[in-house]
PDB file of N, CA and C in Angstrom:
ATOM      1  N   MET A   1      94.782 101.417 150.951  1.00  0.00           N
ATOM      2  CA  MET A   1      95.478 101.747 149.023  1.00  0.00           C
ATOM      3  C   MET A   1      94.138 102.455 148.799  1.00  0.00           C
ATOM      4  N   ILE A   2      93.127 103.195 149.636  1.00  0.00           N
ATOM      5  CA  ILE A   2      93.024 104.495 148.941  1.00  0.00           C
ATOM      6  C   ILE A   2      93.887 105.324 148.574  1.00  0.00           C
ATOM      7  N   LYS A   3      95.167 105.401 149.549  1.00  0.00           N
ATOM      8  CA  LYS A   3      96.167 106.720 149.242  1.00  0.00           C
ATOM      9  C   LYS A   3      96.275 106.508 147.688  1.00  0.00           C
ATOM     10  N   GLY A   4      97.142 104.779 147.065  1.00  0.00           N
ATOM     11  CA  GLY A   4      97.233 104.136 146.318  1.00  0.00           C
ATOM     12  C   GLY A   4      96.664 104.737 145.043  1.00  0.00           C
ATOM     13  N   THR A   5      94.896 104.750 144.707  1.00  0.00           N
ATOM     14  CA  THR A   5      94.560 104.910 143.626  1.00  0.00           C
ATOM     15  C   THR A   5      93.541 106.050 143.694  1.00  0.00           C
ATOM     16  N   LYS A   6      93.746 107.205 144.209  1.00  0.00           N
ATOM     17  CA  LYS A   6      93.661 108.219 144.442  1.00  0.00           C
ATOM     18  C   LYS A   6      93.793 109.341 142.776  1.00  0.00           C
ATOM     19  N   ASN A   7      95.052 108.785 141.638  1.00  0.00           N
ATOM     20  CA  ASN A   7      94.545 109.322 141.052  1.00  0.00           C
ATOM     21  C   ASN A   7      94.323 108.615 139.247  1.00  0.00           C
ATOM     22  N   ILE A   8      93.986 107.578 139.992  1.00  0.00           N
ATOM     23  CA  ILE A   8      93.421 106.513 139.027  1.00  0.00           C
ATOM     24  C   ILE A   8      91.805 106.596 138.691  1.00  0.00           C
ATOM     25  N   SER A   9      91.201 106.183 137.776  1.00  0.00           N
ATOM     26  CA  SER A   9      89.791 106.403 137.393  1.00  0.00           C
ATOM     27  C   SER A   9      89.112 105.527 137.990  1.00  0.00           C
ATOM     28  N   GLU A  10      88.068 105.944 138.182  1.00  0.00           N
ATOM     29  CA  GLU A  10      87.028 104.029 138.714  1.00  0.00           C
ATOM     30  C   GLU A  10      87.185 103.174 137.853  1.00  0.00           C
ATOM     31  N   GLU A  11      87.044 103.556 136.029  1.00  0.00           N
ATOM     32  CA  GLU A  11      87.385 102.660 135.499  1.00  0.00           C
ATOM     33  C   GLU A  11      88.673 101.256 135.201  1.00  0.00           C
ATOM     34  N   PHE A  12      89.059 102.026 136.166  1.00  0.00           N
ATOM     35  CA  PHE A  12      90.988 101.704 135.671  1.00  0.00           C
ATOM     36  C   PHE A  12      91.060 101.089 137.342  1.00  0.00           C
ATOM     37  N   ILE A  13      89.973 100.728 138.613  1.00  0.00           N
ATOM     38  CA  ILE A  13      89.907 100.690 139.585  1.00  0.00           C
ATOM     39  C   ILE A  13      88.622  99.505 139.198  1.00  0.00           C
ATOM     40  N   ARG A  14      87.965  99.787 138.468  1.00  0.00           N
ATOM     41  CA  ARG A  14      87.086  98.344 138.590  1.00  0.00           C
ATOM     42  C   ARG A  14      87.620  97.810 137.760  1.00  0.00           C
ATOM     43  N   GLN A  15      88.787  97.327 136.698  1.00  0.00           N
ATOM     44  CA  GLN A  15      88.911  96.546 135.914  1.00  0.00           C
ATOM     45  C   GLN A  15      89.968  95.621 136.606  1.00  0.00           C
ATOM     46  N   SER A  16      90.821  97.179 137.956  1.00  0.00           N
ATOM     47  CA  SER A  16      92.000  95.879 138.915  1.00  0.00           C
ATOM     48  C   SER A  16      90.828  96.005 140.260  1.00  0.00           C
ATOM     49  N   LEU A  17      89.801  95.851 140.108  1.00  0.00           N
ATOM     50  CA  LEU A  17      89.486  95.093 140.611  1.00  0.00           C
ATOM     51  C   LEU A  17      88.481  93.327 140.690  1.00  0.00           C
ATOM     52  N   SER A  18      88.710  93.552 139.008  1.00  0.00           N
ATOM     53  CA  SER A  18      88.155  92.434 139.172  1.00  0.00           C
ATOM     54  C   SER A  18      88.823  91.063 138.505  1.00  0.00           C
ATOM     55  N   TYR A  19      90.182  92.319 138.074  1.00  0.00           N
ATOM     56  CA  TYR A  19      91.299  91.179 137.214  1.00  0.00           C
ATOM     57  C   TYR A  19      91.362  90.993 139.225  1.00  0.00           C
ATOM     58  N   CYS A  20      91.748  91.423 140.104  1.00  0.00           N
ATOM     59  CA  CYS A  20      92.700  90.661 141.832  1.00  0.00           C
ATOM     60  C   CYS A  20      91.058  89.456 141.638  1.00  0.00           C
ATOM     61  N   LEU A  21      89.936  90.022 141.833  1.00  0.00           N
ATOM     62  CA  LEU A  21      89.577  88.623 142.593  1.00  0.00           C
ATOM     63  C   LEU A  21      89.166  87.307 140.992  1.00  0.00           C
ATOM     64  N   GLU A  22      89.281  87.446 140.053  1.00  0.00           N
ATOM     65  CA  GLU A  22      89.670  86.090 139.018  1.00  0.00           C
ATOM     66  C   GLU A  22      90.988  85.418 139.587  1.00  0.00           C
ATOM     67  N   ASN A  23      91.792  86.736 140.065  1.00  0.00           N
ATOM     68  CA  ASN A  23      93.426  85.326 139.868  1.00  0.00           C
ATOM     69  C   ASN A  23      93.629  85.391 140.998  1.00  0.00           C
ATOM     70  N   GLY A  24      92.817  85.892 142.492  1.00  0.00           N
ATOM     71  CA  GLY A  24      93.034  85.432 144.111  1.00  0.00           C
ATOM     72  C   GLY A  24      94.004  86.589 144.501  1.00  0.00           C
ATOM     73  N   LEU A  25      94.694  87.524 143.603  1.00  0.00           N
ATOM     74  CA  LEU A  25      95.285  88.876 144.316  1.00  0.00           C
ATOM     75  C   LEU A  25      94.513  89.356 145.500  1.00  0.00           C
ATOM     76  N   TYR A  26      94.664  89.419 146.581  1.00  0.00           N
ATOM     77  CA  TYR A  26      93.902  90.482 147.400  1.00  0.00           C
ATOM     78  C   TYR A  26      94.528  91.045 147.974  1.00  0.00           C
ATOM     79  N   ASN A  27      95.512  91.132 148.115  1.00  0.00           N
ATOM     80  CA  ASN A  27      96.400  92.934 148.735  1.00  0.00           C
ATOM     81  C   ASN A  27      96.167  94.385 147.912  1.00  0.00           C
ATOM     82  N   GLY A  28      96.142  95.104 148.878  1.00  0.00           N
ATOM     83  CA  GLY A  28      96.220  96.817 148.781  1.00  0.00           C
ATOM     84  C   GLY A  28      97.855  96.408 147.424  1.00  0.00           C
ATOM     85  N   ASN A  29      98.107  96.671 148.146  1.00  0.00           N
ATOM     86  CA  ASN A  29      99.453  96.716 146.803  1.00  0.00           C
ATOM     87  C   ASN A  29      98.965  96.316 145.404  1.00  0.00           C
ATOM     88  N   GLY A  30      99.298  95.368 145.547  1.00  0.00           N
ATOM     89  CA  GLY A  30      98.601  94.454 144.233  1.00  0.00           C
ATOM     90  C   GLY A  30      97.966  95.324 143.560  1.00  0.00           C
ATOM     91  N   PHE A  31      96.181  95.059 144.083  1.00  0.00           N
ATOM     92  CA  PHE A  31      95.656  95.892 143.671  1.00  0.00           C
ATOM     93  C   PHE A  31      95.850  97.111 143.201  1.00  0.00           C
ATOM     94  N   CYS A  32      97.053  97.997 143.803  1.00  0.00           N
ATOM     95  CA  CYS A  32      97.120  99.388 142.819  1.00  0.00           C
ATOM     96  C   CYS A  32      97.994  99.387 141.992  1.00  0.00           C
ATOM     97  N   GLN A  33      98.898  98.186 141.927  1.00  0.00           N
ATOM     98  CA  GLN A  33      99.530  97.995 140.988  1.00  0.00           C
ATOM     99  C   GLN A  33      98.810  97.736 139.929  1.00  0.00           C
ATOM    100  N   VAL A  34      98.141  96.695 139.875  1.00  0.00           N
ATOM    101  CA  VAL A  34      97.487  96.122 138.506  1.00  0.00           C
ATOM    102  C   VAL A  34      96.928  97.567 138.263  1.00  0.00           C
ATOM    103  N   ALA A  35      96.120  98.368 138.946  1.00  0.00           N
ATOM    104  CA  ALA A  35      95.006  99.502 138.679  1.00  0.00           C
ATOM    105  C   ALA A  35      95.984 100.686 137.864  1.00  0.00           C
ATOM    106  N   LEU A  36      97.689 101.020 137.922  1.00  0.00           N
ATOM    107  CA  LEU A  36      98.308 101.693 137.557  1.00  0.00           C
ATOM    108  C   LEU A  36      98.593 101.403 135.872  1.00  0.00           C
ATOM    109  N   ASN A  37      98.662  99.107 135.737  1.00  0.00           N
ATOM    110  CA  ASN A  37      99.150  99.633 134.466  1.00  0.00           C
ATOM    111  C   ASN A  37      97.893  99.057 133.937  1.00  0.00           C
ATOM    112  N   TYR A  38      96.415  98.559 134.034  1.00  0.00           N
ATOM    113  CA  TYR A  38      95.483  99.314 133.028  1.00  0.00           C
ATOM    114  C   TYR A  38      95.987 101.258 132.630  1.00  0.00           C
ATOM    115  N   GLN A  39      95.726 102.105 133.454  1.00  0.00           N
ATOM    116  CA  GLN A  39      96.092 103.167 133.404  1.00  0.00           C
ATOM    117  C   GLN A  39      97.159 102.866 132.435  1.00  0.00           C
ATOM    118  N   LYS A  40      98.393 102.974 132.549  1.00  0.00           N
ATOM    119  CA  LYS A  40      99.360 102.633 131.667  1.00  0.00           C
ATOM    120  C   LYS A  40      98.948 102.478 130.888  1.00  0.00           C
ATOM    121  N   VAL A  41      98.507 101.421 130.692  1.00  0.00           N
ATOM    122  CA  VAL A  41      98.092 100.502 129.056  1.00  0.00           C
ATOM    123  C   VAL A  41      97.443 101.929 127.456  1.00  0.00           C
ATOM    124  N   ASN A  42      96.556 101.697 129.077  1.00  0.00           N
ATOM    125  CA  ASN A  42      95.300 102.771 128.157  1.00  0.00           C
ATOM    126  C   ASN A  42      96.316 104.214 128.001  1.00  0.00           C
ATOM    127  N   GLN A  43      96.480 104.870 128.545  1.00  0.00           N
ATOM    128  CA  GLN A  43      97.827 106.306 127.629  1.00  0.00           C
ATOM    129  C   GLN A  43      98.887 105.766 126.493  1.00  0.00           C
ATOM    130  N   GLN A  44      99.483 104.875 126.541  1.00  0.00           N
ATOM    131  CA  GLN A  44      99.890 104.913 125.803  1.00  0.00           C
ATOM    132  C   GLN A  44      98.928 103.730 124.295  1.00  0.00           C
ATOM    133  N   ALA A  45      97.352 103.370 124.811  1.00  0.00           N
ATOM    134  CA  ALA A  45      97.085 102.503 123.471  1.00  0.00           C
ATOM    135  C   ALA A  45      96.314 104.931 122.653  1.00  0.00           C
ATOM    136  N   ASN A  46      96.652 106.122 123.932  1.00  0.00           N
ATOM    137  CA  ASN A  46      95.696 106.543 123.085  1.00  0.00           C
ATOM    138  C   ASN A  46      96.933 107.507 122.123  1.00  0.00           C
ATOM    139  N   ARG A  47      98.250 107.227 123.337  1.00  0.00           N
ATOM    140  CA  ARG A  47      99.202 107.984 122.728  1.00  0.00           C
ATOM    141  C   ARG A  47      99.652 107.330 120.652  1.00  0.00           C
ATOM    142  N   SER A  48      99.481 106.218 120.791  1.00  0.00           N
ATOM    143  CA  SER A  48      99.830 105.718 119.257  1.00  0.00           C
ATOM    144  C   SER A  48      99.253 106.004 118.346  1.00  0.00           C
ATOM    145  N   LYS A  49      97.593 106.177 118.757  1.00  0.00           N
ATOM    146  CA  LYS A  49      96.844 106.519 117.788  1.00  0.00           C
ATOM    147  C   LYS A  49      97.461 107.308 116.570  1.00  0.00           C
ATOM    148  N   ILE A  50      97.232 108.158 114.907  1.00  0.00           N
ATOM    149  CA  ILE A  50      97.866 108.412 115.037  1.00  0.00           C
ATOM    150  C   ILE A  50      96.354 108.684 113.717  1.00  0.00           C
ATOM    151  N   ASN A  51      96.051 109.856 113.274  1.00  0.00           N
ATOM    152  CA  ASN A  51      94.455 110.045 112.311  1.00  0.00           C
ATOM    153  C   ASN A  51      95.529 111.349 111.426  1.00  0.00           C
ATOM    154  N   ILE A  52      94.879 110.034 110.783  1.00  0.00           N
ATOM    155  CA  ILE A  52      95.507 110.939 109.147  1.00  0.00           C
ATOM    156  C   ILE A  52      94.438 111.372 108.751  1.00  0.00           C
ATOM    157  N   ALA A  53      93.919 112.539 107.796  1.00  0.00           N
ATOM    158  CA  ALA A  53      92.753 112.680 106.800  1.00  0.00           C
ATOM    159  C   ALA A  53      93.625 113.119 105.529  1.00  0.00           C
ATOM    160  N   VAL A  54      92.793 112.918 104.388  1.00  0.00           N
ATOM    161  CA  VAL A  54      93.063 113.373 103.027  1.00  0.00           C
ATOM    162  C   VAL A  54      91.290 114.016 102.951  1.00  0.00           C
ATOM    163  N   ALA A  55      91.756 116.087 102.257  1.00  0.00           N
ATOM    164  CA  ALA A  55      90.067 116.714 102.229  1.00  0.00           C
ATOM    165  C   ALA A  55      90.017 115.998 101.211  1.00  0.00           C
ATOM    166  N   SER A  56      91.057 116.634  99.863  1.00  0.00           N
ATOM    167  CA  SER A  56      90.621 115.681  98.290  1.00  0.00           C
ATOM    168  C   SER A  56      91.960 114.923  97.810  1.00  0.00           C
ATOM    169  N   THR A  57      91.554 114.781  96.771  1.00  0.00           N
ATOM    170  CA  THR A  57      92.191 114.356  96.069  1.00  0.00           C
ATOM    171  C   THR A  57      92.735 115.346  94.481  1.00  0.00           C
ATOM    172  N   ASN A  58      92.116 115.885  94.959  1.00  0.00           N
ATOM    173  CA  ASN A  58      92.225 117.274  94.012  1.00  0.00           C
ATOM    174  C   ASN A  58      94.074 117.241  94.263  1.00  0.00           C
ATOM    175  N   ALA A  59      94.579 117.381  93.946  1.00  0.00           N
ATOM    176  CA  ALA A  59      95.704 118.132  94.299  1.00  0.00           C
ATOM    177  C   ALA A  59      96.733 117.284  93.207  1.00  0.00           C
ATOM    178  N   LEU A  60      96.420 116.074  93.283  1.00  0.00           N
ATOM    179  CA  LEU A  60      97.857 115.018  92.042  1.00  0.00           C
ATOM    180  C   LEU A  60      96.763 115.671  90.708  1.00  0.00           C
ATOM    181  N   ASN A  61      98.515 115.823  90.346  1.00  0.00           N
ATOM    182  CA  ASN A  61      97.903 115.164  88.881  1.00  0.00           C
ATOM    183  C   ASN A  61      97.820 114.490  88.332  1.00  0.00           C
ATOM    184  N   ASN A  62      96.689 113.853  87.687  1.00  0.00           N
ATOM    185  CA  ASN A  62      96.787 113.101  86.867  1.00  0.00           C
ATOM    186  C   ASN A  62      97.745 112.874  85.139  1.00  0.00           C
ATOM    187  N   SER A  63      98.107 113.377  85.487  1.00  0.00           N
ATOM    188  CA  SER A  63      99.821 113.777  84.574  1.00  0.00           C
ATOM    189  C   SER A  63     100.984 113.942  84.681  1.00  0.00           C
ATOM    190  N   ALA A  64     101.136 113.351  86.277  1.00  0.00           N
ATOM    191  CA  ALA A  64     102.224 113.414  87.655  1.00  0.00           C
ATOM    192  C   ALA A  64     102.885 111.875  86.649  1.00  0.00           C
ATOM    193  N   GLU A  65     104.677 111.949  86.112  1.00  0.00           N
ATOM    194  CA  GLU A  65     104.984 110.475  86.125  1.00  0.00           C
ATOM    195  C   GLU A  65     105.085 109.564  87.592  1.00  0.00           C
ATOM    196  N   MET A  66     104.712 108.937  87.040  1.00  0.00           N
ATOM    197  CA  MET A  66     104.053 108.138  87.811  1.00  0.00           C
ATOM    198  C   MET A  66     104.904 106.621  88.154  1.00  0.00           C
ATOM    199  N   SER A  67     105.711 105.892  88.749  1.00  0.00           N
ATOM    200  CA  SER A  67     106.161 104.895  87.786  1.00  0.00           C
ATOM    201  C   SER A  67     106.854 104.091  88.960  1.00  0.00           C
ATOM    202  N   VAL A  68     106.864 102.338  88.844  1.00  0.00           N
ATOM    203  CA  VAL A  68     107.560 101.759  89.986  1.00  0.00           C
ATOM    204  C   VAL A  68     108.520 101.376  88.930  1.00  0.00           C
ATOM    205  N   GLN A  69     110.058 101.438  89.936  1.00  0.00           N
ATOM    206  CA  GLN A  69     111.602 101.060  89.199  1.00  0.00           C
ATOM    207  C   GLN A  69     110.894  99.863  89.832  1.00  0.00           C
ATOM    208  N   THR A  70     111.500  99.116  88.103  1.00  0.00           N
ATOM    209  CA  THR A  70     111.650  97.881  88.099  1.00  0.00           C
ATOM    210  C   THR A  70     113.590  97.146  88.814  1.00  0.00           C
ATOM    211  N   SER A  71     113.897  96.355  88.904  1.00  0.00           N
ATOM    212  CA  SER A  71     115.366  96.086  88.984  1.00  0.00           C
ATOM    213  C   SER A  71     115.662  94.286  88.333  1.00  0.00           C
ATOM    214  N   ASN A  72     116.413  94.923  87.338  1.00  0.00           N
ATOM    215  CA  ASN A  72     117.029  93.549  86.198  1.00  0.00           C
ATOM    216  C   ASN A  72     117.083  92.290  86.882  1.00  0.00           C
ATOM    217  N   ILE A  73     116.387  90.967  87.257  1.00  0.00           N
ATOM    218  CA  ILE A  73     117.270  89.425  87.311  1.00  0.00           C
ATOM    219  C   ILE A  73     118.659  89.039  87.475  1.00  0.00           C
ATOM    220  N   ARG A  74     119.083  89.554  86.526  1.00  0.00           N
ATOM    221  CA  ARG A  74     120.739  89.238  86.298  1.00  0.00           C
ATOM    222  C   ARG A  74     121.040  89.668  87.780  1.00  0.00           C
ATOM    223  N   THR A  75     120.888  90.630  87.967  1.00  0.00           N
ATOM    224  CA  THR A  75     121.728  91.316  89.474  1.00  0.00           C
ATOM    225  C   THR A  75     121.168  90.499  90.594  1.00  0.00           C
ATOM    226  N   TYR A  76     120.534  90.146  91.057  1.00  0.00           N
ATOM    227  CA  TYR A  76     119.704  89.264  91.790  1.00  0.00           C
ATOM    228  C   TYR A  76     120.947  87.461  91.358  1.00  0.00           C
ATOM    229  N   GLU A  77     120.458  87.155  90.410  1.00  0.00           N
ATOM    230  CA  GLU A  77     121.053  85.902  89.616  1.00  0.00           C
ATOM    231  C   GLU A  77     122.086  85.911  90.161  1.00  0.00           C
ATOM    232  N   ASN A  78     123.425  87.182  90.178  1.00  0.00           N
ATOM    233  CA  ASN A  78     124.397  87.075  90.398  1.00  0.00           C
ATOM    234  C   ASN A  78     124.874  86.826  91.723  1.00  0.00           C
ATOM    235  N   LEU A  79     123.756  87.395  92.324  1.00  0.00           N
ATOM    236  CA  LEU A  79     124.459  87.732  94.341  1.00  0.00           C
ATOM    237  C   LEU A  79     124.157  86.422  95.377  1.00  0.00           C
ATOM    238  N   ILE A  80     123.090  85.210  94.198  1.00  0.00           N
ATOM    239  CA  ILE A  80     123.391  84.178  94.469  1.00  0.00           C
ATOM    240  C   ILE A  80     123.718  83.314  94.285  1.00  0.00           C
ATOM    241  N   GLY A  81     124.681  84.143  92.705  1.00  0.00           N
ATOM    242  CA  GLY A  81     125.101  82.881  92.265  1.00  0.00           C
ATOM    243  C   GLY A  81     126.695  82.652  93.396  1.00  0.00           C
ATOM    244  N   SER A  82     127.608  83.755  93.528  1.00  0.00           N
ATOM    245  CA  SER A  82     128.070  84.012  94.095  1.00  0.00           C
ATOM    246  C   SER A  82     127.985  83.489  95.880  1.00  0.00           C
ATOM    247  N   TRP A  83     126.867  83.628  96.165  1.00  0.00           N
ATOM    248  CA  TRP A  83     127.035  82.405  97.538  1.00  0.00           C
ATOM    249  C   TRP A  83     127.307  81.302  97.526  1.00  0.00           C
ATOM    250  N   ASN A  84     126.786  80.736  97.121  1.00  0.00           N
ATOM    251  CA  ASN A  84     126.808  79.292  96.508  1.00  0.00           C
ATOM    252  C   ASN A  84     127.974  78.690  95.320  1.00  0.00           C
ATOM    253  N   ARG A  85     129.365  80.107  95.649  1.00  0.00           N
ATOM    254  CA  ARG A  85     130.536  79.387  95.245  1.00  0.00           C
ATOM    255  C   ARG A  85     130.721  79.050  95.944  1.00  0.00           C
TER     256      ARG A  85
END
């Protein structure tokens, strides 16, 4: 069990111990697998964080043309009508 936890931080070992005791998992291999899972989940959570910062909005031009494209309702009515035929 000591070899299995050699590269796992103490935080994940503590979490694994708590989980194993609460769930009646009393073997070393299970303990190591739970600790590795906690470590893996933590690494994935850290990777998925995206940090985006906007320094200022000065680059936006107030006179920039910004418009929302609208659709013609007849187009959708024709589509739905053709399905019901």
